[in-house]
Amino acid sequence: MTEESLRRRATVHDVARAAGVSLATVDRVLNGRPGVRAATAEKVEDAISKLGFSRDLNASLMARARDLHVIFFIPDGSNEFMDSLAAAVDRRFGPALADRMHLETRRMRALDALALAQSLDALDPRACDCAVIVASEEPEIIAAVDAAHRRGIAVMTLVSDLPGSARRNFIGIDNVAAGRTAASLLGRFLPGGGKVAVVAGSLHLRDHAERLEGFKSALAAEFESVEIIGLAEGHDERAETGDIVTSLLDQHPDLAGLYNLGAGNAGLVEALERSGRTGHLRVIAHELTAPTRGGLRSGAIDVVLDQNPDGEIREAISAARALALGTSRSTETNPIEIGIFLRDNLR
C-alpha cells in the first residue's frame, strides 16, 4: 500500500494518537469549539497536516438533522455573465440535493446595496447555513456581512471581494492580474501607442477597481506610449454601455483601443458595429457570453478574458459545504484561472 493511500485513509483516531490527545479534543478542534489551549490545538493541526487527514463531509452531512441550505445572491439586469452564474447554480441543484445540500438563487437589483444588505439582515441561521454574494463595496453591505457572521451564517463573496468584512471566502479570479493582462495585450496590439478608452461597470465593485489598478500600472510600467482617455461607468447595463462607446467613438476618431472591464458587452458590440469601425481598433472585454462570442466572430472584439462561471459555482458549493460543517482548518480557495479567448480558440 502506498504512502499516499495511507494518508488518504487517516482517521480521527490517527490524529488523536499522533497529537497525543483525546478524541474529544480532536473533535473540538475540528469543529472550532472552545475549551482547547492554543498549544494543544496547534498539535492537533500539525497532526492533521502530517497525516493528510480529510474529514468525511458526506458522513457529517448524514449526521445532520437537516440539509445544508446555501443561498446565492446574484444581480439581475442585462448582465449576461450574472445570468450565466445563476444558470450554473441551477445546473448544480440536482446533484447538490443528492448530497443533502439545498441551493437557492435570489436575483437582486444590480448595485442596490441597501436591498442586498436588508436581504442579508433578514436571513435566519436556522434556515441558511451559507450566503454567497456578488456585492459592491459599500458600508451597509459590509455591516450586513459582519452581522450575518455574528449570527452564525457563513458568508462568501463571488466575483468581487469584500476583504474588509467578515466574509469567509472569496471565489473569483485575480482581478489585478486580469487588468494587467488586458494592458499587456493592448500594449502589444498597439506597438506605436495611441489612445485607449476604458469603460467600467462601477468602481464601487472591487473587481472593477482592481482591474483598473492592474491595467494602469502595467501600461505605465511597460507601454508608456499608450494613453488612457476617459473613464466612464456603464453600470454593467447594455444600453448605457452602448451609449458610452458611441460617444467615445464620436469624440475620438483617432481612438486606437478600448478596454471594457465590466459588462454591458451587447451594447459595446452594437455600438462598434453601427460605427463601421469594427476591426479598426483593438478591443478587450470580459466574460465569454453570447454577445462577446458574437463580437469575437465579427471582429468587433479581439480578446475576451473569462472566469468560467461553472467552475466558480462548483468551487463556491464545495467551500460552502466545508464552512457550514464547521471545519476549523483554512478553507481559502485558489483564484479561478483566467481564460483568454480569441476568435481562433472559441470552444
Protein backbone atom coordinates (compact mmCIF):
# COMPACT_ATOMS: atom_id res chain seq x y z
CA MET A 1 0.00 0.00 0.00
CA THR A 2 1.43 3.37 -0.97
CA GLU A 3 2.15 6.20 1.44
CA GLU A 4 -0.42 8.31 -0.43
CA SER A 5 -3.18 5.72 0.13
CA LEU A 6 -2.32 5.53 3.84
CA ARG A 7 -2.57 9.32 4.09
CA ARG A 8 -5.98 9.29 2.44
CA ARG A 9 -7.26 6.75 4.98
CA ALA A 10 -6.15 8.67 8.09
CA THR A 11 -8.91 8.81 10.73
CA VAL A 12 -9.65 10.94 13.78
CA HIS A 13 -8.14 8.13 15.88
CA ASP A 14 -4.86 8.51 13.96
CA VAL A 15 -4.95 12.27 14.53
CA ALA A 16 -5.57 11.81 18.27
CA ARG A 17 -2.70 9.31 18.60
CA ALA A 18 -0.27 11.49 16.61
CA ALA A 19 -1.15 14.59 18.64
CA GLY A 20 -1.25 12.74 21.98
CA VAL A 21 -4.74 13.98 22.81
CA SER A 22 -8.22 12.56 23.26
CA LEU A 23 -10.82 12.09 20.54
CA ALA A 24 -12.93 14.74 22.26
CA THR A 25 -10.11 17.26 21.90
CA VAL A 26 -9.72 16.45 18.20
CA ASP A 27 -13.46 16.92 17.75
CA ARG A 28 -13.34 20.32 19.47
CA VAL A 29 -10.51 21.49 17.22
CA LEU A 30 -12.16 20.20 14.05
CA ASN A 31 -15.40 21.98 14.89
CA GLY A 32 -13.84 25.17 16.22
CA ARG A 33 -15.35 24.79 19.68
CA PRO A 34 -13.81 26.43 22.76
CA GLY A 35 -12.01 24.68 25.61
CA VAL A 36 -8.75 23.77 23.87
CA ARG A 37 -5.48 25.50 24.69
CA ALA A 38 -3.70 27.14 21.76
CA ALA A 39 -0.65 24.88 22.09
CA THR A 40 -2.85 21.77 22.10
CA ALA A 41 -4.85 22.96 19.09
CA GLU A 42 -1.57 23.55 17.27
CA LYS A 43 -0.51 19.95 17.95
CA VAL A 44 -3.79 18.70 16.50
CA GLU A 45 -3.45 20.90 13.42
CA ASP A 46 0.12 19.68 12.90
CA ALA A 47 -1.04 16.06 13.12
CA ILE A 48 -3.85 16.75 10.65
CA SER A 49 -1.36 18.28 8.23
CA LYS A 50 1.25 15.49 8.55
CA LEU A 51 -1.32 12.71 8.18
CA GLY A 52 -3.18 14.41 5.35
CA PHE A 53 -6.39 13.87 7.32
CA SER A 54 -9.56 14.89 5.50
CA ARG A 55 -12.95 14.95 7.17
CA ASP A 56 -15.63 12.77 5.66
CA LEU A 57 -18.01 15.60 4.84
CA ASN A 58 -20.64 13.24 3.47
CA ALA A 59 -20.76 11.41 6.79
CA SER A 60 -21.04 14.74 8.59
CA LEU A 61 -23.92 15.68 6.32
CA MET A 62 -25.72 12.42 7.06
CA ALA A 63 -25.41 13.11 10.78
CA ARG A 64 -27.11 16.48 10.50
CA ALA A 65 -30.76 16.92 11.35
CA ARG A 66 -31.40 18.91 8.17
CA ASP A 67 -29.89 19.61 4.76
CA LEU A 68 -27.37 22.40 4.28
CA HIS A 69 -29.00 25.49 2.83
CA VAL A 70 -26.86 27.75 0.63
CA ILE A 71 -28.33 30.95 -0.82
CA PHE A 72 -26.73 32.70 -3.80
CA PHE A 73 -27.47 36.41 -4.14
CA ILE A 74 -26.82 37.27 -7.80
CA PRO A 75 -27.51 40.63 -9.52
CA ASP A 76 -30.34 40.86 -12.02
CA GLY A 77 -30.49 43.07 -15.11
CA SER A 78 -28.86 42.87 -18.54
CA ASN A 79 -25.52 41.45 -17.33
CA GLU A 80 -25.22 38.18 -19.25
CA PHE A 81 -22.42 36.89 -17.04
CA MET A 82 -24.66 37.09 -13.96
CA ASP A 83 -27.25 35.09 -15.88
CA SER A 84 -24.52 32.51 -16.53
CA LEU A 85 -23.76 32.29 -12.81
CA ALA A 86 -27.45 31.82 -11.96
CA ALA A 87 -27.74 29.14 -14.66
CA ALA A 88 -24.69 27.37 -13.24
CA VAL A 89 -26.36 27.25 -9.80
CA ASP A 90 -29.47 25.78 -11.41
CA ARG A 91 -27.40 23.06 -13.07
CA ARG A 92 -25.92 22.06 -9.71
CA PHE A 93 -29.27 21.92 -7.91
CA GLY A 94 -29.99 18.22 -8.50
CA PRO A 95 -26.51 16.86 -7.71
CA ALA A 96 -26.31 19.07 -4.61
CA LEU A 97 -29.70 17.88 -3.38
CA ALA A 98 -28.48 14.30 -3.65
CA ASP A 99 -25.67 15.33 -1.27
CA ARG A 100 -28.18 16.87 1.16
CA MET A 101 -27.44 20.43 0.09
CA HIS A 102 -30.26 22.75 -0.88
CA LEU A 103 -29.24 25.56 -3.25
CA GLU A 104 -31.33 28.69 -3.70
CA THR A 105 -30.78 31.64 -6.04
CA ARG A 106 -32.13 35.10 -5.30
CA ARG A 107 -31.75 37.70 -8.05
CA MET A 108 -31.19 41.19 -6.70
CA ARG A 109 -31.29 44.56 -8.42
CA ALA A 110 -27.74 45.24 -9.61
CA LEU A 111 -25.69 47.64 -7.47
CA ASP A 112 -28.55 48.09 -4.97
CA ALA A 113 -26.50 47.99 -1.78
CA LEU A 114 -29.43 48.69 0.54
CA ALA A 115 -31.57 45.86 -0.87
CA LEU A 116 -28.75 43.34 -0.54
CA ALA A 117 -27.93 44.48 2.99
CA GLN A 118 -31.58 44.15 4.02
CA SER A 119 -31.77 40.67 2.48
CA LEU A 120 -28.69 39.56 4.41
CA ASP A 121 -30.07 41.04 7.63
CA ALA A 122 -33.28 39.05 7.14
CA LEU A 123 -31.50 35.67 6.94
CA ASP A 124 -32.29 33.23 9.74
CA PRO A 125 -29.35 30.99 10.72
CA ARG A 126 -31.82 28.17 11.34
CA ALA A 127 -32.71 28.24 7.65
CA CYS A 128 -29.48 29.41 6.00
CA ASP A 129 -26.01 27.97 6.57
CA CYS A 130 -24.14 29.99 3.97
CA ALA A 131 -24.80 33.06 1.82
CA VAL A 132 -22.82 33.61 -1.38
CA ILE A 133 -22.99 37.21 -2.58
CA VAL A 134 -21.94 39.31 -5.56
CA ALA A 135 -21.66 42.73 -3.98
CA SER A 136 -20.32 46.26 -4.31
CA GLU A 137 -18.02 47.56 -1.60
CA GLU A 138 -20.48 49.66 0.42
CA PRO A 139 -20.55 50.27 4.21
CA GLU A 140 -24.08 48.88 4.61
CA ILE A 141 -23.14 45.63 2.87
CA ILE A 142 -20.00 45.18 4.96
CA ALA A 143 -22.06 45.78 8.13
CA ALA A 144 -24.66 43.22 6.98
CA VAL A 145 -21.95 40.63 6.23
CA ASP A 146 -20.42 41.16 9.66
CA ALA A 147 -23.84 40.85 11.33
CA ALA A 148 -24.62 37.63 9.44
CA HIS A 149 -21.28 36.21 10.55
CA ARG A 150 -22.08 37.00 14.18
CA ARG A 151 -25.40 35.16 13.81
CA GLY A 152 -23.57 32.06 12.63
CA ILE A 153 -24.13 32.37 8.87
CA ALA A 154 -21.01 31.87 6.75
CA VAL A 155 -20.78 34.50 4.01
CA MET A 156 -18.66 34.15 0.87
CA THR A 157 -18.04 36.70 -1.86
CA LEU A 158 -18.28 35.73 -5.51
CA VAL A 159 -16.64 37.58 -8.45
CA SER A 160 -15.97 40.75 -6.40
CA ASP A 161 -14.42 40.65 -2.93
CA LEU A 162 -15.07 42.45 0.38
CA PRO A 163 -11.75 41.94 2.19
CA GLY A 164 -12.61 44.45 4.94
CA SER A 165 -15.59 42.36 6.05
CA ALA A 166 -16.09 39.12 8.00
CA ARG A 167 -16.62 37.18 4.78
CA ARG A 168 -15.08 33.70 4.97
CA ASN A 169 -14.00 33.14 1.36
CA PHE A 170 -13.63 34.86 -1.97
CA ILE A 171 -14.36 32.88 -5.13
CA GLY A 172 -13.11 34.55 -8.31
CA ILE A 173 -10.16 35.50 -10.47
CA ASP A 174 -7.18 37.67 -9.52
CA ASN A 175 -8.64 40.89 -10.88
CA VAL A 176 -5.42 42.91 -10.68
CA ALA A 177 -3.80 40.23 -12.84
CA ALA A 178 -6.75 40.44 -15.25
CA GLY A 179 -6.22 44.17 -15.67
CA ARG A 180 -2.50 43.68 -16.20
CA THR A 181 -3.25 41.01 -18.80
CA ALA A 182 -5.52 43.40 -20.70
CA ALA A 183 -2.82 46.09 -20.65
CA SER A 184 -0.14 43.66 -21.80
CA LEU A 185 -2.27 42.53 -24.74
CA LEU A 186 -3.28 46.03 -25.80
CA GLY A 187 0.28 47.26 -25.48
CA ARG A 188 1.42 44.53 -27.87
CA PHE A 189 -1.50 45.14 -30.21
CA LEU A 190 -0.52 48.82 -30.42
CA PRO A 191 3.28 48.92 -30.80
CA GLY A 192 3.09 52.53 -31.96
CA GLY A 193 0.98 53.58 -28.98
CA GLY A 194 -2.22 55.59 -29.20
CA LYS A 195 -5.37 56.43 -27.29
CA VAL A 196 -7.18 53.71 -25.37
CA ALA A 197 -10.56 54.27 -23.71
CA VAL A 198 -11.66 52.45 -20.56
CA VAL A 199 -15.25 51.60 -19.60
CA ALA A 200 -16.13 50.21 -16.15
CA GLY A 201 -19.35 48.93 -14.64
CA SER A 202 -18.88 50.62 -11.28
CA LEU A 203 -15.72 51.40 -9.35
CA HIS A 204 -17.69 50.60 -6.18
CA LEU A 205 -17.17 47.00 -7.30
CA ARG A 206 -13.76 45.89 -6.05
CA ASP A 207 -13.21 43.62 -9.06
CA HIS A 208 -13.60 46.59 -11.42
CA ALA A 209 -11.40 48.85 -9.30
CA GLU A 210 -8.71 46.16 -9.14
CA ARG A 211 -8.83 45.55 -12.89
CA LEU A 212 -8.36 49.27 -13.47
CA GLU A 213 -5.46 49.32 -11.00
CA GLY A 214 -3.71 46.46 -12.78
CA PHE A 215 -4.40 47.95 -16.21
CA LYS A 216 -2.98 51.37 -15.33
CA SER A 217 0.09 50.03 -13.56
CA ALA A 218 1.05 47.67 -16.38
CA LEU A 219 0.66 50.35 -19.05
CA ALA A 220 2.70 52.83 -17.02
CA ALA A 221 5.47 50.28 -16.48
CA GLU A 222 5.72 48.80 -19.97
CA PHE A 223 3.75 50.78 -22.55
CA GLU A 224 4.17 54.49 -21.90
CA SER A 225 3.15 55.38 -25.46
CA VAL A 226 -0.40 54.10 -24.79
CA GLU A 227 -2.57 56.92 -23.44
CA ILE A 228 -5.67 56.21 -21.35
CA ILE A 229 -8.52 58.59 -22.10
CA GLY A 230 -11.74 58.91 -20.21
CA LEU A 231 -13.17 56.53 -17.64
CA ALA A 232 -16.92 56.06 -17.84
CA GLU A 233 -19.18 53.81 -15.76
CA GLY A 234 -21.83 51.90 -17.70
CA HIS A 235 -23.24 50.17 -14.57
CA ASP A 236 -23.00 46.86 -16.43
CA GLU A 237 -26.09 47.76 -18.45
CA ARG A 238 -26.34 47.12 -22.18
CA ALA A 239 -27.91 50.43 -23.27
CA GLU A 240 -25.78 52.63 -21.04
CA THR A 241 -22.56 50.93 -22.09
CA GLY A 242 -23.57 51.21 -25.75
CA ASP A 243 -24.21 54.95 -25.39
CA ILE A 244 -20.81 55.45 -23.74
CA VAL A 245 -18.99 53.60 -26.52
CA THR A 246 -20.86 55.56 -29.21
CA SER A 247 -19.91 58.83 -27.51
CA LEU A 248 -16.25 57.79 -27.20
CA LEU A 249 -16.07 56.86 -30.88
CA ASP A 250 -17.68 60.17 -31.91
CA GLN A 251 -15.38 62.25 -29.70
CA HIS A 252 -12.17 60.41 -30.60
CA PRO A 253 -11.92 59.50 -34.28
CA ASP A 254 -8.30 58.54 -33.64
CA LEU A 255 -9.17 56.08 -30.86
CA ALA A 256 -6.86 53.06 -31.15
CA GLY A 257 -8.21 50.73 -28.49
CA LEU A 258 -10.91 50.10 -25.91
CA TYR A 259 -10.99 48.07 -22.70
CA ASN A 260 -14.38 47.25 -21.16
CA LEU A 261 -13.50 45.92 -17.72
CA GLY A 262 -17.17 45.43 -16.79
CA ALA A 263 -20.25 44.02 -18.51
CA GLY A 264 -22.81 45.50 -20.91
CA ASN A 265 -20.94 43.98 -23.84
CA ALA A 266 -24.03 43.59 -26.03
CA GLY A 267 -24.22 47.39 -26.13
CA LEU A 268 -20.49 47.66 -26.82
CA VAL A 269 -20.68 45.29 -29.81
CA GLU A 270 -23.77 47.03 -31.23
CA ALA A 271 -22.11 50.45 -30.94
CA LEU A 272 -18.94 49.26 -32.64
CA GLU A 273 -20.81 47.60 -35.48
CA ARG A 274 -23.00 50.69 -36.03
CA SER A 275 -19.91 52.89 -36.19
CA GLY A 276 -18.36 50.96 -39.07
CA ARG A 277 -15.08 50.84 -37.15
CA THR A 278 -15.19 47.15 -36.35
CA GLY A 279 -11.70 45.77 -36.81
CA HIS A 280 -10.13 49.23 -36.90
CA LEU A 281 -9.45 49.44 -33.16
CA ARG A 282 -8.31 46.83 -30.70
CA VAL A 283 -10.96 45.82 -28.13
CA ILE A 284 -10.68 43.70 -24.98
CA ALA A 285 -13.70 42.68 -22.90
CA HIS A 286 -14.54 40.32 -20.03
CA GLU A 287 -16.64 37.13 -19.81
CA LEU A 288 -17.39 34.70 -22.59
CA THR A 289 -21.13 35.21 -23.14
CA ALA A 290 -23.33 35.23 -26.24
CA PRO A 291 -22.58 38.93 -27.02
CA THR A 292 -18.81 38.56 -26.58
CA ARG A 293 -18.79 35.35 -28.63
CA GLY A 294 -20.60 37.24 -31.38
CA GLY A 295 -18.15 40.12 -31.05
CA LEU A 296 -15.17 37.79 -31.39
CA ARG A 297 -16.66 36.19 -34.51
CA SER A 298 -17.50 39.54 -36.13
CA GLY A 299 -14.15 41.10 -35.29
CA ALA A 300 -15.67 43.75 -33.01
CA ILE A 301 -13.77 42.25 -30.05
CA ASP A 302 -10.21 40.97 -30.22
CA VAL A 303 -9.85 39.21 -26.85
CA VAL A 304 -12.21 38.08 -24.09
CA LEU A 305 -10.90 37.40 -20.57
CA ASP A 306 -13.14 34.79 -18.97
CA GLN A 307 -13.70 33.45 -15.44
CA ASN A 308 -15.61 30.19 -16.01
CA PRO A 309 -18.95 30.55 -14.16
CA ASP A 310 -19.44 26.78 -13.82
CA GLY A 311 -16.05 26.41 -12.17
CA GLU A 312 -16.77 29.29 -9.80
CA ILE A 313 -20.10 27.83 -8.69
CA ARG A 314 -18.59 24.38 -8.15
CA GLU A 315 -15.83 25.94 -6.05
CA ALA A 316 -18.36 28.00 -4.09
CA ILE A 317 -20.52 24.96 -3.30
CA SER A 318 -17.51 22.95 -2.15
CA ALA A 319 -16.27 25.76 0.10
CA ALA A 320 -19.78 26.42 1.45
CA ARG A 321 -20.14 22.80 2.49
CA ALA A 322 -16.80 22.83 4.31
CA LEU A 323 -17.64 26.11 6.06
CA ALA A 324 -21.13 25.05 7.08
CA LEU A 325 -19.85 21.78 8.55
CA GLY A 326 -17.52 23.73 10.82
CA THR A 327 -14.06 22.56 9.85
CA SER A 328 -11.51 24.65 11.71
CA ARG A 329 -8.86 24.38 9.02
CA SER A 330 -8.46 27.00 6.35
CA THR A 331 -10.93 26.72 3.50
CA GLU A 332 -9.34 29.51 1.46
CA THR A 333 -9.60 28.80 -2.22
CA ASN A 334 -7.15 29.49 -5.01
CA PRO A 335 -8.09 32.13 -7.59
CA ILE A 336 -10.06 30.90 -10.58
CA GLU A 337 -7.88 30.69 -13.69
CA ILE A 338 -8.29 33.47 -16.23
CA GLY A 339 -9.28 32.16 -19.65
CA ILE A 340 -8.07 34.08 -22.73
CA PHE A 341 -10.24 33.69 -25.81
CA LEU A 342 -9.76 34.89 -29.37
CA ARG A 343 -11.87 34.12 -32.40
CA ASP A 344 -9.41 31.32 -33.17
CA ASN A 345 -9.92 29.29 -29.98
CA LEU A 346 -13.62 29.68 -29.27
CA ARG A 347 -14.91 26.49 -27.70
